[in-house]
PDB file of all heavy atoms in Angstrom:
ATOM      1  N   LEU A   1      16.768 -24.996  -7.954  1.00  0.00           N
ATOM      2  CA  LEU A   1      16.226 -23.661  -8.302  1.00  0.00           C
ATOM      3  C   LEU A   1      16.374 -22.728  -7.108  1.00  0.00           C
ATOM      4  O   LEU A   1      16.253 -23.135  -5.960  1.00  0.00           O
ATOM      5  CB  LEU A   1      14.734 -23.820  -8.641  1.00  0.00           C
ATOM      6  CG  LEU A   1      14.427 -24.674  -9.858  1.00  0.00           C
ATOM      7  CD1 LEU A   1      12.917 -24.839 -10.046  1.00  0.00           C
ATOM      8  CD2 LEU A   1      15.043 -24.003 -11.140  1.00  0.00           C
ATOM      9  N   PRO A   2      16.543 -21.434  -7.398  1.00  0.00           N
ATOM     10  CA  PRO A   2      16.672 -20.494  -6.300  1.00  0.00           C
ATOM     11  C   PRO A   2      15.366 -20.275  -5.574  1.00  0.00           C
ATOM     12  O   PRO A   2      14.259 -20.519  -6.119  1.00  0.00           O
ATOM     13  CB  PRO A   2      17.047 -19.177  -6.986  1.00  0.00           C
ATOM     14  CG  PRO A   2      16.577 -19.352  -8.352  1.00  0.00           C
ATOM     15  CD  PRO A   2      16.657 -20.787  -8.682  1.00  0.00           C
ATOM     16  N   ILE A   3      15.456 -19.962  -4.298  1.00  0.00           N
ATOM     17  CA  ILE A   3      14.273 -19.715  -3.504  1.00  0.00           C
ATOM     18  C   ILE A   3      13.617 -18.426  -4.008  1.00  0.00           C
ATOM     19  O   ILE A   3      14.273 -17.455  -4.328  1.00  0.00           O
ATOM     20  CB  ILE A   3      14.570 -19.561  -1.991  1.00  0.00           C
ATOM     21  CG1 ILE A   3      15.148 -20.860  -1.532  1.00  0.00           C
ATOM     22  CG2 ILE A   3      13.393 -19.089  -1.193  1.00  0.00           C
ATOM     23  CD1 ILE A   3      15.660 -20.865  -0.095  1.00  0.00           C
ATOM     24  N   LEU A   4      12.322 -18.421  -4.143  1.00  0.00           N
ATOM     25  CA  LEU A   4      11.597 -17.269  -4.671  1.00  0.00           C
ATOM     26  C   LEU A   4      11.281 -16.304  -3.590  1.00  0.00           C
ATOM     27  O   LEU A   4      10.832 -16.688  -2.466  1.00  0.00           O
ATOM     28  CB  LEU A   4      10.296 -17.732  -5.377  1.00  0.00           C
ATOM     29  CG  LEU A   4      10.474 -18.687  -6.519  1.00  0.00           C
ATOM     30  CD1 LEU A   4       9.089 -19.170  -6.997  1.00  0.00           C
ATOM     31  CD2 LEU A   4      11.200 -18.033  -7.649  1.00  0.00           C
ATOM     32  N   TYR A   5      11.467 -15.036  -3.805  1.00  0.00           N
ATOM     33  CA  TYR A   5      11.149 -13.944  -2.863  1.00  0.00           C
ATOM     34  C   TYR A   5      10.063 -13.085  -3.435  1.00  0.00           C
ATOM     35  O   TYR A   5      10.037 -12.786  -4.617  1.00  0.00           O
ATOM     36  CB  TYR A   5      12.410 -13.109  -2.542  1.00  0.00           C
ATOM     37  CG  TYR A   5      13.450 -13.845  -1.845  1.00  0.00           C
ATOM     38  CD1 TYR A   5      14.583 -14.353  -2.523  1.00  0.00           C
ATOM     39  CD2 TYR A   5      13.380 -14.017  -0.446  1.00  0.00           C
ATOM     40  CE1 TYR A   5      15.547 -15.043  -1.830  1.00  0.00           C
ATOM     41  CE2 TYR A   5      14.367 -14.731   0.215  1.00  0.00           C
ATOM     42  CZ  TYR A   5      15.462 -15.213  -0.475  1.00  0.00           C
ATOM     43  OH  TYR A   5      16.404 -15.965   0.210  1.00  0.00           O
ATOM     44  N   SER A   6       9.152 -12.716  -2.606  1.00  0.00           N
ATOM     45  CA  SER A   6       8.078 -11.831  -3.037  1.00  0.00           C
ATOM     46  C   SER A   6       8.550 -10.399  -3.001  1.00  0.00           C
ATOM     47  O   SER A   6       9.553 -10.069  -2.391  1.00  0.00           O
ATOM     48  CB  SER A   6       6.831 -11.992  -2.120  1.00  0.00           C
ATOM     49  OG  SER A   6       7.055 -11.429  -0.897  1.00  0.00           O
ATOM     50  N   ARG A   7       7.796  -9.547  -3.655  1.00  0.00           N
ATOM     51  CA  ARG A   7       8.105  -8.071  -3.625  1.00  0.00           C
ATOM     52  C   ARG A   7       8.031  -7.534  -2.198  1.00  0.00           C
ATOM     53  O   ARG A   7       8.749  -6.655  -1.837  1.00  0.00           O
ATOM     54  CB  ARG A   7       7.163  -7.289  -4.528  1.00  0.00           C
ATOM     55  CG  ARG A   7       7.602  -7.420  -6.006  1.00  0.00           C
ATOM     56  CD  ARG A   7       6.836  -6.395  -6.772  1.00  0.00           C
ATOM     57  NE  ARG A   7       7.221  -6.500  -8.156  1.00  0.00           N
ATOM     58  CZ  ARG A   7       6.766  -5.821  -9.132  1.00  0.00           C
ATOM     59  NH1 ARG A   7       5.884  -4.883  -8.896  1.00  0.00           N
ATOM     60  NH2 ARG A   7       7.168  -6.014 -10.378  1.00  0.00           N
ATOM     61  N   ILE A   8       7.125  -8.093  -1.421  1.00  0.00           N
ATOM     62  CA  ILE A   8       6.995  -7.558  -0.008  1.00  0.00           C
ATOM     63  C   ILE A   8       8.210  -7.973   0.778  1.00  0.00           C
ATOM     64  O   ILE A   8       8.759  -7.121   1.466  1.00  0.00           O
ATOM     65  CB  ILE A   8       5.668  -8.156   0.604  1.00  0.00           C
ATOM     66  CG1 ILE A   8       4.444  -7.664  -0.080  1.00  0.00           C
ATOM     67  CG2 ILE A   8       5.618  -7.876   2.128  1.00  0.00           C
ATOM     68  CD1 ILE A   8       3.129  -8.269   0.347  1.00  0.00           C
ATOM     69  N   GLU A   9       8.658  -9.205   0.655  1.00  0.00           N
ATOM     70  CA  GLU A   9       9.854  -9.637   1.348  1.00  0.00           C
ATOM     71  C   GLU A   9      11.039  -8.793   0.899  1.00  0.00           C
ATOM     72  O   GLU A   9      11.880  -8.381   1.707  1.00  0.00           O
ATOM     73  CB  GLU A   9      10.138 -11.106   1.114  1.00  0.00           C
ATOM     74  CG  GLU A   9       9.168 -12.063   1.775  1.00  0.00           C
ATOM     75  CD  GLU A   9       9.316 -13.506   1.302  1.00  0.00           C
ATOM     76  OE1 GLU A   9       9.602 -13.725   0.115  1.00  0.00           O
ATOM     77  OE2 GLU A   9       9.177 -14.339   2.180  1.00  0.00           O
ATOM     78  N   ASN A  10      11.132  -8.543  -0.418  1.00  0.00           N
ATOM     79  CA  ASN A  10      12.227  -7.784  -0.968  1.00  0.00           C
ATOM     80  C   ASN A  10      12.150  -6.365  -0.410  1.00  0.00           C
ATOM     81  O   ASN A  10      13.202  -5.778  -0.105  1.00  0.00           O
ATOM     82  CB  ASN A  10      12.190  -7.797  -2.490  1.00  0.00           C
ATOM     83  CG  ASN A  10      13.359  -7.073  -3.090  1.00  0.00           C
ATOM     84  OD1 ASN A  10      14.490  -7.436  -2.847  1.00  0.00           O
ATOM     85  ND2 ASN A  10      13.103  -6.024  -3.809  1.00  0.00           N
ATOM     86  N   PHE A  11      11.010  -5.768  -0.293  1.00  0.00           N
ATOM     87  CA  PHE A  11      10.843  -4.432   0.217  1.00  0.00           C
ATOM     88  C   PHE A  11      11.429  -4.384   1.646  1.00  0.00           C
ATOM     89  O   PHE A  11      12.204  -3.479   1.944  1.00  0.00           O
ATOM     90  CB  PHE A  11       9.382  -4.057   0.246  1.00  0.00           C
ATOM     91  CG  PHE A  11       9.114  -2.647   0.710  1.00  0.00           C
ATOM     92  CD1 PHE A  11       9.123  -1.616  -0.220  1.00  0.00           C
ATOM     93  CD2 PHE A  11       8.939  -2.358   2.031  1.00  0.00           C
ATOM     94  CE1 PHE A  11       8.899  -0.300   0.229  1.00  0.00           C
ATOM     95  CE2 PHE A  11       8.708  -1.031   2.476  1.00  0.00           C
ATOM     96  CZ  PHE A  11       8.699  -0.040   1.553  1.00  0.00           C
ATOM     97  N   TYR A  12      11.029  -5.287   2.505  1.00  0.00           N
ATOM     98  CA  TYR A  12      11.552  -5.328   3.873  1.00  0.00           C
ATOM     99  C   TYR A  12      13.079  -5.457   3.902  1.00  0.00           C
ATOM    100  O   TYR A  12      13.767  -4.860   4.727  1.00  0.00           O
ATOM    101  CB  TYR A  12      10.869  -6.407   4.708  1.00  0.00           C
ATOM    102  CG  TYR A  12       9.476  -6.039   5.143  1.00  0.00           C
ATOM    103  CD1 TYR A  12       8.362  -6.514   4.466  1.00  0.00           C
ATOM    104  CD2 TYR A  12       9.310  -5.192   6.222  1.00  0.00           C
ATOM    105  CE1 TYR A  12       7.096  -6.197   4.891  1.00  0.00           C
ATOM    106  CE2 TYR A  12       7.980  -4.831   6.617  1.00  0.00           C
ATOM    107  CZ  TYR A  12       6.909  -5.329   5.944  1.00  0.00           C
ATOM    108  OH  TYR A  12       5.634  -4.996   6.353  1.00  0.00           O
ATOM    109  N   THR A  13      13.607  -6.295   3.058  1.00  0.00           N
ATOM    110  CA  THR A  13      15.047  -6.526   3.001  1.00  0.00           C
ATOM    111  C   THR A  13      15.791  -5.252   2.614  1.00  0.00           C
ATOM    112  O   THR A  13      16.775  -4.860   3.206  1.00  0.00           O
ATOM    113  CB  THR A  13      15.422  -7.689   2.002  1.00  0.00           C
ATOM    114  OG1 THR A  13      14.741  -8.861   2.440  1.00  0.00           O
ATOM    115  CG2 THR A  13      16.916  -7.887   1.910  1.00  0.00           C
ATOM    116  N   VAL A  14      15.257  -4.555   1.572  1.00  0.00           N
ATOM    117  CA  VAL A  14      15.933  -3.335   1.093  1.00  0.00           C
ATOM    118  C   VAL A  14      15.825  -2.258   2.148  1.00  0.00           C
ATOM    119  O   VAL A  14      16.822  -1.553   2.438  1.00  0.00           O
ATOM    120  CB  VAL A  14      15.334  -2.857  -0.256  1.00  0.00           C
ATOM    121  CG1 VAL A  14      15.885  -1.482  -0.623  1.00  0.00           C
ATOM    122  CG2 VAL A  14      15.632  -3.897  -1.349  1.00  0.00           C
ATOM    123  N   VAL A  15      14.704  -2.127   2.806  1.00  0.00           N
ATOM    124  CA  VAL A  15      14.534  -1.126   3.873  1.00  0.00           C
ATOM    125  C   VAL A  15      15.522  -1.445   4.995  1.00  0.00           C
ATOM    126  O   VAL A  15      16.261  -0.534   5.464  1.00  0.00           O
ATOM    127  CB  VAL A  15      13.070  -1.098   4.436  1.00  0.00           C
ATOM    128  CG1 VAL A  15      12.973  -0.308   5.711  1.00  0.00           C
ATOM    129  CG2 VAL A  15      12.137  -0.482   3.395  1.00  0.00           C
ATOM    130  N   ALA A  16      15.594  -2.698   5.415  1.00  0.00           N
ATOM    131  CA  ALA A  16      16.469  -3.038   6.554  1.00  0.00           C
ATOM    132  C   ALA A  16      17.949  -2.784   6.231  1.00  0.00           C
ATOM    133  O   ALA A  16      18.684  -2.252   6.994  1.00  0.00           O
ATOM    134  CB  ALA A  16      16.277  -4.539   6.901  1.00  0.00           C
ATOM    135  N   GLN A  17      18.371  -3.114   5.009  1.00  0.00           N
ATOM    136  CA  GLN A  17      19.737  -2.892   4.572  1.00  0.00           C
ATOM    137  C   GLN A  17      20.064  -1.372   4.529  1.00  0.00           C
ATOM    138  O   GLN A  17      21.148  -0.939   4.944  1.00  0.00           O
ATOM    139  CB  GLN A  17      20.038  -3.529   3.234  1.00  0.00           C
ATOM    140  CG  GLN A  17      20.049  -5.040   3.335  1.00  0.00           C
ATOM    141  CD  GLN A  17      20.085  -5.712   1.978  1.00  0.00           C
ATOM    142  OE1 GLN A  17      19.850  -5.109   0.936  1.00  0.00           O
ATOM    143  NE2 GLN A  17      20.411  -6.998   1.968  1.00  0.00           N
ATOM    144  N   THR A  18      19.110  -0.599   4.021  1.00  0.00           N
ATOM    145  CA  THR A  18      19.310   0.844   3.885  1.00  0.00           C
ATOM    146  C   THR A  18      19.391   1.496   5.267  1.00  0.00           C
ATOM    147  O   THR A  18      20.243   2.359   5.517  1.00  0.00           O
ATOM    148  CB  THR A  18      18.242   1.470   2.994  1.00  0.00           C
ATOM    149  OG1 THR A  18      18.157   0.785   1.776  1.00  0.00           O
ATOM    150  CG2 THR A  18      18.538   2.969   2.759  1.00  0.00           C
ATOM    151  N   VAL A  19      18.471   1.094   6.136  1.00  0.00           N
ATOM    152  CA  VAL A  19      18.434   1.646   7.493  1.00  0.00           C
ATOM    153  C   VAL A  19      19.756   1.236   8.213  1.00  0.00           C
ATOM    154  O   VAL A  19      20.357   2.061   8.915  1.00  0.00           O
ATOM    155  CB  VAL A  19      17.219   1.126   8.313  1.00  0.00           C
ATOM    156  CG1 VAL A  19      17.346   1.437   9.776  1.00  0.00           C
ATOM    157  CG2 VAL A  19      15.963   1.782   7.740  1.00  0.00           C
ATOM    158  N   GLN A  20      20.194   0.032   8.055  1.00  0.00           N
ATOM    159  CA  GLN A  20      21.415  -0.419   8.707  1.00  0.00           C
ATOM    160  C   GLN A  20      22.600   0.450   8.234  1.00  0.00           C
ATOM    161  O   GLN A  20      23.436   0.892   9.026  1.00  0.00           O
ATOM    162  CB  GLN A  20      21.700  -1.894   8.429  1.00  0.00           C
ATOM    163  CG  GLN A  20      22.974  -2.417   9.018  1.00  0.00           C
ATOM    164  CD  GLN A  20      23.169  -3.907   8.704  1.00  0.00           C
ATOM    165  OE1 GLN A  20      22.464  -4.523   7.936  1.00  0.00           O
ATOM    166  NE2 GLN A  20      24.171  -4.477   9.360  1.00  0.00           N
ATOM    167  N   TYR A  21      22.651   0.729   6.950  1.00  0.00           N
ATOM    168  CA  TYR A  21      23.677   1.547   6.372  1.00  0.00           C
ATOM    169  C   TYR A  21      23.659   2.970   6.976  1.00  0.00           C
ATOM    170  O   TYR A  21      24.665   3.557   7.394  1.00  0.00           O
ATOM    171  CB  TYR A  21      23.611   1.579   4.850  1.00  0.00           C
ATOM    172  CG  TYR A  21      24.590   2.550   4.236  1.00  0.00           C
ATOM    173  CD1 TYR A  21      25.942   2.256   4.218  1.00  0.00           C
ATOM    174  CD2 TYR A  21      24.157   3.691   3.627  1.00  0.00           C
ATOM    175  CE1 TYR A  21      26.874   3.150   3.672  1.00  0.00           C
ATOM    176  CE2 TYR A  21      25.063   4.597   3.016  1.00  0.00           C
ATOM    177  CZ  TYR A  21      26.414   4.271   3.084  1.00  0.00           C
ATOM    178  OH  TYR A  21      27.319   5.207   2.520  1.00  0.00           O
ATOM    179  N   LEU A  22      22.451   3.544   6.985  1.00  0.00           N
ATOM    180  CA  LEU A  22      22.345   4.899   7.543  1.00  0.00           C
ATOM    181  C   LEU A  22      22.651   4.990   9.059  1.00  0.00           C
ATOM    182  O   LEU A  22      23.246   5.932   9.495  1.00  0.00           O
ATOM    183  CB  LEU A  22      20.896   5.458   7.288  1.00  0.00           C
ATOM    184  CG  LEU A  22      20.561   5.733   5.792  1.00  0.00           C
ATOM    185  CD1 LEU A  22      19.096   6.013   5.632  1.00  0.00           C
ATOM    186  CD2 LEU A  22      21.468   6.849   5.263  1.00  0.00           C
ATOM    187  N   ARG A  23      22.290   3.926   9.727  1.00  0.00           N
ATOM    188  CA  ARG A  23      22.627   3.896  11.203  1.00  0.00           C
ATOM    189  C   ARG A  23      24.111   3.803  11.396  1.00  0.00           C
ATOM    190  O   ARG A  23      24.646   4.344  12.388  1.00  0.00           O
ATOM    191  CB  ARG A  23      21.926   2.713  11.913  1.00  0.00           C
ATOM    192  CG  ARG A  23      20.458   2.894  12.150  1.00  0.00           C
ATOM    193  CD  ARG A  23      19.881   1.734  13.001  1.00  0.00           C
ATOM    194  NE  ARG A  23      18.483   1.703  13.011  1.00  0.00           N
ATOM    195  CZ  ARG A  23      17.716   2.400  13.791  1.00  0.00           C
ATOM    196  NH1 ARG A  23      18.222   3.279  14.561  1.00  0.00           N
ATOM    197  NH2 ARG A  23      16.372   2.294  13.721  1.00  0.00           N
ATOM    198  N   SER A  24      24.850   3.158  10.452  1.00  0.00           N
ATOM    199  CA  SER A  24      26.271   3.096  10.566  1.00  0.00           C
ATOM    200  C   SER A  24      26.948   4.460  10.345  1.00  0.00           C
ATOM    201  O   SER A  24      27.977   4.725  10.906  1.00  0.00           O
ATOM    202  CB  SER A  24      26.842   2.048   9.613  1.00  0.00           C
ATOM    203  OG  SER A  24      26.871   2.532   8.290  1.00  0.00           O
ATOM    204  N   LEU A  25      26.278   5.277   9.568  1.00  0.00           N
ATOM    205  CA  LEU A  25      26.798   6.637   9.312  1.00  0.00           C
ATOM    206  C   LEU A  25      26.356   7.639  10.353  1.00  0.00           C
ATOM    207  O   LEU A  25      27.093   8.622  10.606  1.00  0.00           O
ATOM    208  CB  LEU A  25      26.348   7.078   7.906  1.00  0.00           C
ATOM    209  CG  LEU A  25      26.847   6.287   6.746  1.00  0.00           C
ATOM    210  CD1 LEU A  25      26.170   6.812   5.437  1.00  0.00           C
ATOM    211  CD2 LEU A  25      28.341   6.319   6.601  1.00  0.00           C
ATOM    212  N   TRP A  26      25.215   7.469  10.941  1.00  0.00           N
ATOM    213  CA  TRP A  26      24.593   8.413  11.845  1.00  0.00           C
ATOM    214  C   TRP A  26      24.207   7.696  13.161  1.00  0.00           C
ATOM    215  O   TRP A  26      23.022   7.675  13.531  1.00  0.00           O
ATOM    216  CB  TRP A  26      23.376   9.111  11.247  1.00  0.00           C
ATOM    217  CG  TRP A  26      23.753   9.923  10.051  1.00  0.00           C
ATOM    218  CD1 TRP A  26      23.847   9.512   8.757  1.00  0.00           C
ATOM    219  CD2 TRP A  26      24.097  11.329  10.050  1.00  0.00           C
ATOM    220  NE1 TRP A  26      24.222  10.524   7.921  1.00  0.00           N
ATOM    221  CE2 TRP A  26      24.366  11.694   8.708  1.00  0.00           C
ATOM    222  CE3 TRP A  26      24.186  12.235  11.059  1.00  0.00           C
ATOM    223  CZ2 TRP A  26      24.748  12.965   8.355  1.00  0.00           C
ATOM    224  CZ3 TRP A  26      24.555  13.553  10.691  1.00  0.00           C
ATOM    225  CH2 TRP A  26      24.802  13.872   9.378  1.00  0.00           C
ATOM    226  N   PRO A  27      25.137   7.009  13.828  1.00  0.00           N
ATOM    227  CA  PRO A  27      24.793   6.141  14.958  1.00  0.00           C
ATOM    228  C   PRO A  27      24.127   6.910  16.126  1.00  0.00           C
ATOM    229  O   PRO A  27      23.156   6.448  16.735  1.00  0.00           O
ATOM    230  CB  PRO A  27      26.100   5.539  15.404  1.00  0.00           C
ATOM    231  CG  PRO A  27      27.144   6.450  14.870  1.00  0.00           C
ATOM    232  CD  PRO A  27      26.591   7.039  13.602  1.00  0.00           C
ATOM    233  N   ASN A  28      24.613   8.060  16.431  1.00  0.00           N
ATOM    234  CA  ASN A  28      24.033   8.863  17.562  1.00  0.00           C
ATOM    235  C   ASN A  28      22.662   9.387  17.231  1.00  0.00           C
ATOM    236  O   ASN A  28      21.779   9.336  18.031  1.00  0.00           O
ATOM    237  CB  ASN A  28      24.987   9.996  17.990  1.00  0.00           C
ATOM    238  CG  ASN A  28      26.270   9.442  18.519  1.00  0.00           C
ATOM    239  OD1 ASN A  28      26.362   8.335  19.044  1.00  0.00           O
ATOM    240  ND2 ASN A  28      27.356  10.202  18.316  1.00  0.00           N
ATOM    241  N   GLU A  29      22.515   9.947  16.030  1.00  0.00           N
ATOM    242  CA  GLU A  29      21.215  10.573  15.655  1.00  0.00           C
ATOM    243  C   GLU A  29      20.137   9.590  15.455  1.00  0.00           C
ATOM    244  O   GLU A  29      18.964   9.924  15.600  1.00  0.00           O
ATOM    245  CB  GLU A  29      21.464  11.422  14.392  1.00  0.00           C
ATOM    246  CG  GLU A  29      22.361  12.602  14.517  1.00  0.00           C
ATOM    247  CD  GLU A  29      23.879  12.242  14.472  1.00  0.00           C
ATOM    248  OE1 GLU A  29      24.246  11.043  14.346  1.00  0.00           O
ATOM    249  OE2 GLU A  29      24.645  13.167  14.555  1.00  0.00           O
ATOM    250  N   LEU A  30      20.477   8.390  15.049  1.00  0.00           N
ATOM    251  CA  LEU A  30      19.414   7.351  14.724  1.00  0.00           C
ATOM    252  C   LEU A  30      19.349   6.231  15.758  1.00  0.00           C
ATOM    253  O   LEU A  30      18.565   5.324  15.602  1.00  0.00           O
ATOM    254  CB  LEU A  30      19.673   6.768  13.345  1.00  0.00           C
ATOM    255  CG  LEU A  30      19.612   7.768  12.157  1.00  0.00           C
ATOM    256  CD1 LEU A  30      19.997   7.079  10.844  1.00  0.00           C
ATOM    257  CD2 LEU A  30      18.208   8.346  12.078  1.00  0.00           C
ATOM    258  N   ALA A  31      20.106   6.337  16.861  1.00  0.00           N
ATOM    259  CA  ALA A  31      20.182   5.265  17.827  1.00  0.00           C
ATOM    260  C   ALA A  31      18.810   4.898  18.419  1.00  0.00           C
ATOM    261  O   ALA A  31      18.516   3.716  18.560  1.00  0.00           O
ATOM    262  CB  ALA A  31      21.176   5.626  18.951  1.00  0.00           C
ATOM    263  N   ASP A  32      18.017   5.902  18.712  1.00  0.00           N
ATOM    264  CA  ASP A  32      16.709   5.669  19.354  1.00  0.00           C
ATOM    265  C   ASP A  32      15.530   5.819  18.442  1.00  0.00           C
ATOM    266  O   ASP A  32      14.410   5.837  18.879  1.00  0.00           O
ATOM    267  CB  ASP A  32      16.570   6.621  20.612  1.00  0.00           C
ATOM    268  CG  ASP A  32      17.641   6.334  21.635  1.00  0.00           C
ATOM    269  OD1 ASP A  32      17.958   5.135  21.850  1.00  0.00           O
ATOM    270  OD2 ASP A  32      18.103   7.309  22.279  1.00  0.00           O
ATOM    271  N   VAL A  33      15.811   5.987  17.188  1.00  0.00           N
ATOM    272  CA  VAL A  33      14.714   6.153  16.153  1.00  0.00           C
ATOM    273  C   VAL A  33      14.212   4.783  15.712  1.00  0.00           C
ATOM    274  O   VAL A  33      14.943   3.934  15.316  1.00  0.00           O
ATOM    275  CB  VAL A  33      15.200   6.960  15.010  1.00  0.00           C
ATOM    276  CG1 VAL A  33      14.087   7.139  13.932  1.00  0.00           C
ATOM    277  CG2 VAL A  33      15.705   8.356  15.431  1.00  0.00           C
ATOM    278  N   HIS A  34      12.885   4.603  15.819  1.00  0.00           N
ATOM    279  CA  HIS A  34      12.240   3.387  15.353  1.00  0.00           C
ATOM    280  C   HIS A  34      11.765   3.661  13.891  1.00  0.00           C
ATOM    281  O   HIS A  34      11.102   4.637  13.637  1.00  0.00           O
ATOM    282  CB  HIS A  34      11.044   3.057  16.176  1.00  0.00           C
ATOM    283  CG  HIS A  34      11.413   2.787  17.648  1.00  0.00           C
ATOM    284  ND1 HIS A  34      11.866   1.578  18.063  1.00  0.00           N
ATOM    285  CD2 HIS A  34      11.401   3.604  18.722  1.00  0.00           C
ATOM    286  CE1 HIS A  34      12.126   1.634  19.335  1.00  0.00           C
ATOM    287  NE2 HIS A  34      11.828   2.878  19.790  1.00  0.00           N
TER     288      HIS A  34
END
């Protein structure tokens, strides 16, 4: 059976992936942004 993920874990994963994508497009502008 697949490992179960909670909505909270999924939220963090989606945020991380989206931020990573945006940082790849705007590396200088987002380099020091937390």
